[in-house]
C-alpha atoms as a PDB file:
ATOM      1  CA  UNK A   1    -193.984  78.104 139.287  1.00  0.00           C
ATOM      2  CA  UNK A   2    -195.527  76.165 142.123  1.00  0.00           C
ATOM      3  CA  UNK A   3    -197.839  77.782 144.631  1.00  0.00           C
ATOM      4  CA  UNK A   4    -195.778  79.489 147.374  1.00  0.00           C
ATOM      5  CA  UNK A   5    -198.259  78.270 150.004  1.00  0.00           C
ATOM      6  CA  UNK A   6    -197.591  74.683 148.919  1.00  0.00           C
ATOM      7  CA  UNK A   7    -193.842  75.247 149.244  1.00  0.00           C
ATOM      8  CA  UNK A   8    -194.338  76.695 152.723  1.00  0.00           C
ATOM      9  CA  UNK A   9    -196.465  73.693 153.681  1.00  0.00           C
ATOM     10  CA  UNK A  10    -193.815  71.223 152.475  1.00  0.00           C
ATOM     11  CA  UNK A  11    -191.049  73.150 154.233  1.00  0.00           C
ATOM     12  CA  UNK A  12    -193.125  73.287 157.445  1.00  0.00           C
ATOM     13  CA  UNK A  13    -193.788  69.530 157.322  1.00  0.00           C
ATOM     14  CA  UNK A  14    -190.090  68.818 156.944  1.00  0.00           C
ATOM     15  CA  UNK A  15    -189.236  71.253 159.742  1.00  0.00           C
ATOM     16  CA  UNK A  16    -191.898  69.693 161.989  1.00  0.00           C
ATOM     17  CA  UNK A  17    -190.248  66.298 161.593  1.00  0.00           C
ATOM     18  CA  UNK A  18    -187.123  67.657 163.311  1.00  0.00           C
ATOM     19  CA  UNK A  19    -186.617  66.078 166.754  1.00  0.00           C
ATOM     20  CA  UNK A  20    -187.795  68.180 169.737  1.00  0.00           C
ATOM     21  CA  UNK A  21    -184.212  68.696 170.956  1.00  0.00           C
ATOM     22  CA  UNK A  22    -183.437  70.838 167.939  1.00  0.00           C
ATOM     23  CA  UNK A  23    -186.773  72.671 167.657  1.00  0.00           C
ATOM     24  CA  UNK A  24    -185.034  76.013 168.213  1.00  0.00           C
ATOM     25  CA  UNK A  25    -183.329  75.463 164.875  1.00  0.00           C
ATOM     26  CA  UNK A  26    -186.578  74.531 163.139  1.00  0.00           C
ATOM     27  CA  UNK A  27    -187.425  78.060 162.056  1.00  0.00           C
ATOM     28  CA  UNK A  28    -184.002  78.524 160.532  1.00  0.00           C
ATOM     29  CA  UNK A  29    -184.189  75.064 158.958  1.00  0.00           C
ATOM     30  CA  UNK A  30    -187.634  75.824 157.519  1.00  0.00           C
ATOM     31  CA  UNK A  31    -186.294  78.944 155.827  1.00  0.00           C
ATOM     32  CA  UNK A  32    -183.304  77.099 154.394  1.00  0.00           C
ATOM     33  CA  UNK A  33    -185.439  74.177 153.251  1.00  0.00           C
ATOM     34  CA  UNK A  34    -187.832  76.563 151.547  1.00  0.00           C
ATOM     35  CA  UNK A  35    -184.926  78.236 149.734  1.00  0.00           C
ATOM     36  CA  UNK A  36    -183.522  74.895 148.593  1.00  0.00           C
ATOM     37  CA  UNK A  37    -186.943  73.646 147.434  1.00  0.00           C
ATOM     38  CA  UNK A  38    -187.608  76.843 145.510  1.00  0.00           C
ATOM     39  CA  UNK A  39    -184.173  76.756 143.889  1.00  0.00           C
ATOM     40  CA  UNK A  40    -184.507  73.119 142.851  1.00  0.00           C
ATOM     41  CA  UNK A  41    -188.087  73.446 141.624  1.00  0.00           C
ATOM     42  CA  UNK A  42    -187.236  76.562 139.619  1.00  0.00           C
ATOM     43  CA  UNK A  43    -184.720  74.443 137.677  1.00  0.00           C
ATOM     44  CA  UNK A  44    -187.507  72.134 136.520  1.00  0.00           C
ATOM     45  CA  UNK A  45    -189.490  72.917 133.399  1.00  0.00           C
ATOM     46  CA  UNK A  46    -192.879  73.233 135.118  1.00  0.00           C
ATOM     47  CA  UNK A  47    -196.050  75.105 134.229  1.00  0.00           C
ATOM     48  CA  UNK A  48    -198.929  76.103 136.434  1.00  0.00           C
ATOM     49  CA  UNK A  49    -202.213  74.240 136.268  1.00  0.00           C
ATOM     50  CA  UNK A  50    -203.815  77.380 134.822  1.00  0.00           C
ATOM     51  CA  UNK A  51    -201.237  77.533 132.006  1.00  0.00           C
ATOM     52  CA  UNK A  52    -201.735  73.829 131.331  1.00  0.00           C
ATOM     53  CA  UNK A  53    -205.529  74.201 131.163  1.00  0.00           C
ATOM     54  CA  UNK A  54    -205.248  77.182 128.802  1.00  0.00           C
ATOM     55  CA  UNK A  55    -202.925  75.284 126.471  1.00  0.00           C
ATOM     56  CA  UNK A  56    -205.253  72.269 126.585  1.00  0.00           C
ATOM     57  CA  UNK A  57    -208.143  74.466 125.418  1.00  0.00           C
ATOM     58  CA  UNK A  58    -205.980  75.968 122.655  1.00  0.00           C
ATOM     59  CA  UNK A  59    -205.037  72.460 121.516  1.00  0.00           C
ATOM     60  CA  UNK A  60    -208.685  71.347 121.478  1.00  0.00           C
ATOM     61  CA  UNK A  61    -209.707  74.368 119.358  1.00  0.00           C
ATOM     62  CA  UNK A  62    -206.764  73.817 117.014  1.00  0.00           C
ATOM     63  CA  UNK A  63    -207.648  70.145 116.615  1.00  0.00           C
ATOM     64  CA  UNK A  64    -211.284  71.057 115.844  1.00  0.00           C
ATOM     65  CA  UNK A  65    -210.164  73.568 113.201  1.00  0.00           C
ATOM     66  CA  UNK A  66    -207.791  71.008 111.673  1.00  0.00           C
ATOM     67  CA  UNK A  67    -210.551  68.402 111.460  1.00  0.00           C
ATOM     68  CA  UNK A  68    -212.879  70.945 109.819  1.00  0.00           C
ATOM     69  CA  UNK A  69    -210.188  71.851 107.286  1.00  0.00           C
ATOM     70  CA  UNK A  70    -209.497  68.186 106.534  1.00  0.00           C
ATOM     71  CA  UNK A  71    -213.214  67.651 105.879  1.00  0.00           C
ATOM     72  CA  UNK A  72    -213.358  70.671 103.572  1.00  0.00           C
ATOM     73  CA  UNK A  73    -210.271  69.458 101.669  1.00  0.00           C
ATOM     74  CA  UNK A  74    -211.766  65.989 101.315  1.00  0.00           C
ATOM     75  CA  UNK A  75    -215.004  67.507 100.006  1.00  0.00           C
ATOM     76  CA  UNK A  76    -213.136  69.719  97.520  1.00  0.00           C
ATOM     77  CA  UNK A  77    -211.023  66.772  96.354  1.00  0.00           C
ATOM     78  CA  UNK A  78    -214.177  64.683  95.877  1.00  0.00           C
ATOM     79  CA  UNK A  79    -215.769  67.554  93.959  1.00  0.00           C
ATOM     80  CA  UNK A  80    -212.685  67.883  91.744  1.00  0.00           C
ATOM     81  CA  UNK A  81    -212.595  64.128  91.121  1.00  0.00           C
ATOM     82  CA  UNK A  82    -216.250  64.247  90.048  1.00  0.00           C
ATOM     83  CA  UNK A  83    -215.624  66.827  87.322  1.00  0.00           C
END
């Protein structure tokens, strides 16, 4: 999920853009906007940056292991072909 502080910042920016004549409704609008943003963003298939970075590292290690295994297989196949 997205950082709650970021959601608050976005909601505050939207609420701040409300004309001065309706500023008394800004607090209520900010709360509603925050609820709507959270509801809509929760529907998206998002991951945190931390989760993304962890999965990137897992993928790198997996790729390295795969390349090492491919090299070993190629060496074994060459050894078998030489016999």
